[in-house]
Amino acid sequence: ETVELCQHNRLIALNILQAFRESEDLQWPPTADDMELTPENLLPTDLVRFLSMVMAGKEDMEMNEKMKRL
């Protein structure tokens, strides 16, 4: 089971890396329009799933308002 979890996390990490490589650059400093983007439009889904697994031990987490602000 530990080996399967490691392989699963490795695949997620590879997907995150691929999404990062394919993502568009964000300009700095951000514009007012950039501040209106939702996390779903900024972060790769695999990154969110990976962080949920690391922080909460499960991939699909419903975010409360505090988590959305973070």
Protein backbone atom coordinates (compact mmCIF):
# COMPACT_ATOMS: atom_id res chain seq x y z
CA GLU A 1 0.00 0.00 0.00
CA THR A 2 2.85 2.41 0.79
CA VAL A 3 4.46 1.71 -2.58
CA GLU A 4 1.15 2.37 -4.36
CA LEU A 5 0.73 5.65 -2.47
CA CYS A 6 4.26 6.72 -3.41
CA GLN A 7 3.64 5.87 -7.07
CA HIS A 8 0.32 7.73 -6.99
CA ASN A 9 1.94 10.81 -5.46
CA ARG A 10 4.77 10.63 -7.99
CA LEU A 11 2.24 10.67 -10.83
CA ILE A 12 0.50 13.65 -9.28
CA ALA A 13 3.84 15.44 -8.91
CA LEU A 14 4.65 14.77 -12.58
CA ASN A 15 1.23 16.09 -13.59
CA ILE A 16 1.82 19.24 -11.51
CA LEU A 17 5.19 19.77 -13.15
CA GLN A 18 3.67 19.32 -16.61
CA ALA A 19 0.86 21.76 -15.81
CA PHE A 20 3.43 24.28 -14.56
CA ARG A 21 5.45 23.97 -17.75
CA GLU A 22 2.35 24.47 -19.88
CA SER A 23 0.91 27.34 -17.83
CA GLU A 24 0.94 30.92 -18.97
CA ASP A 25 3.20 33.36 -17.18
CA LEU A 26 1.51 35.70 -14.75
CA GLN A 27 2.61 39.28 -15.02
CA TRP A 28 4.09 41.05 -12.04
CA PRO A 29 2.79 43.10 -10.42
CA PRO A 30 -0.67 41.64 -10.86
CA THR A 31 -3.37 43.80 -12.38
CA ALA A 32 -6.76 44.47 -10.81
CA ASP A 33 -8.25 41.88 -13.19
CA ASP A 34 -5.75 39.28 -11.97
CA MET A 35 -7.07 39.75 -8.44
CA GLU A 36 -10.52 38.68 -9.60
CA LEU A 37 -9.38 35.25 -10.82
CA THR A 38 -10.63 32.28 -8.85
CA PRO A 39 -8.17 29.70 -7.50
CA GLU A 40 -9.59 27.22 -10.00
CA ASN A 41 -8.31 29.47 -12.78
CA LEU A 42 -4.89 29.95 -11.20
CA LEU A 43 -3.91 26.58 -9.78
CA PRO A 44 -3.64 23.26 -11.60
CA THR A 45 -6.23 20.78 -10.34
CA ASP A 46 -3.51 18.21 -9.66
CA LEU A 47 -1.69 20.69 -7.43
CA VAL A 48 -4.83 21.30 -5.39
CA ARG A 49 -5.43 17.55 -5.05
CA PHE A 50 -1.80 16.94 -4.05
CA LEU A 51 -1.85 19.68 -1.43
CA SER A 52 -5.17 18.39 -0.09
CA MET A 53 -3.65 14.92 0.25
CA VAL A 54 -0.57 16.29 2.03
CA MET A 55 -2.48 18.59 4.38
CA ALA A 56 -5.67 16.65 5.04
CA GLY A 57 -4.95 13.08 4.00
CA LYS A 58 -7.62 13.04 1.30
CA GLU A 59 -7.66 14.23 -2.29
CA ASP A 60 -11.12 15.70 -2.53
CA MET A 61 -11.68 18.32 0.11
CA GLU A 62 -14.49 20.78 0.32
CA MET A 63 -12.98 24.15 1.12
CA ASN A 64 -14.48 26.40 3.74
CA GLU A 65 -14.32 30.19 3.44
CA LYS A 66 -11.08 30.47 5.44
CA MET A 67 -9.32 27.95 3.20
CA LYS A 68 -10.55 29.76 0.09
CA ARG A 69 -9.01 33.00 1.35
CA LEU A 70 -5.66 31.29 1.93
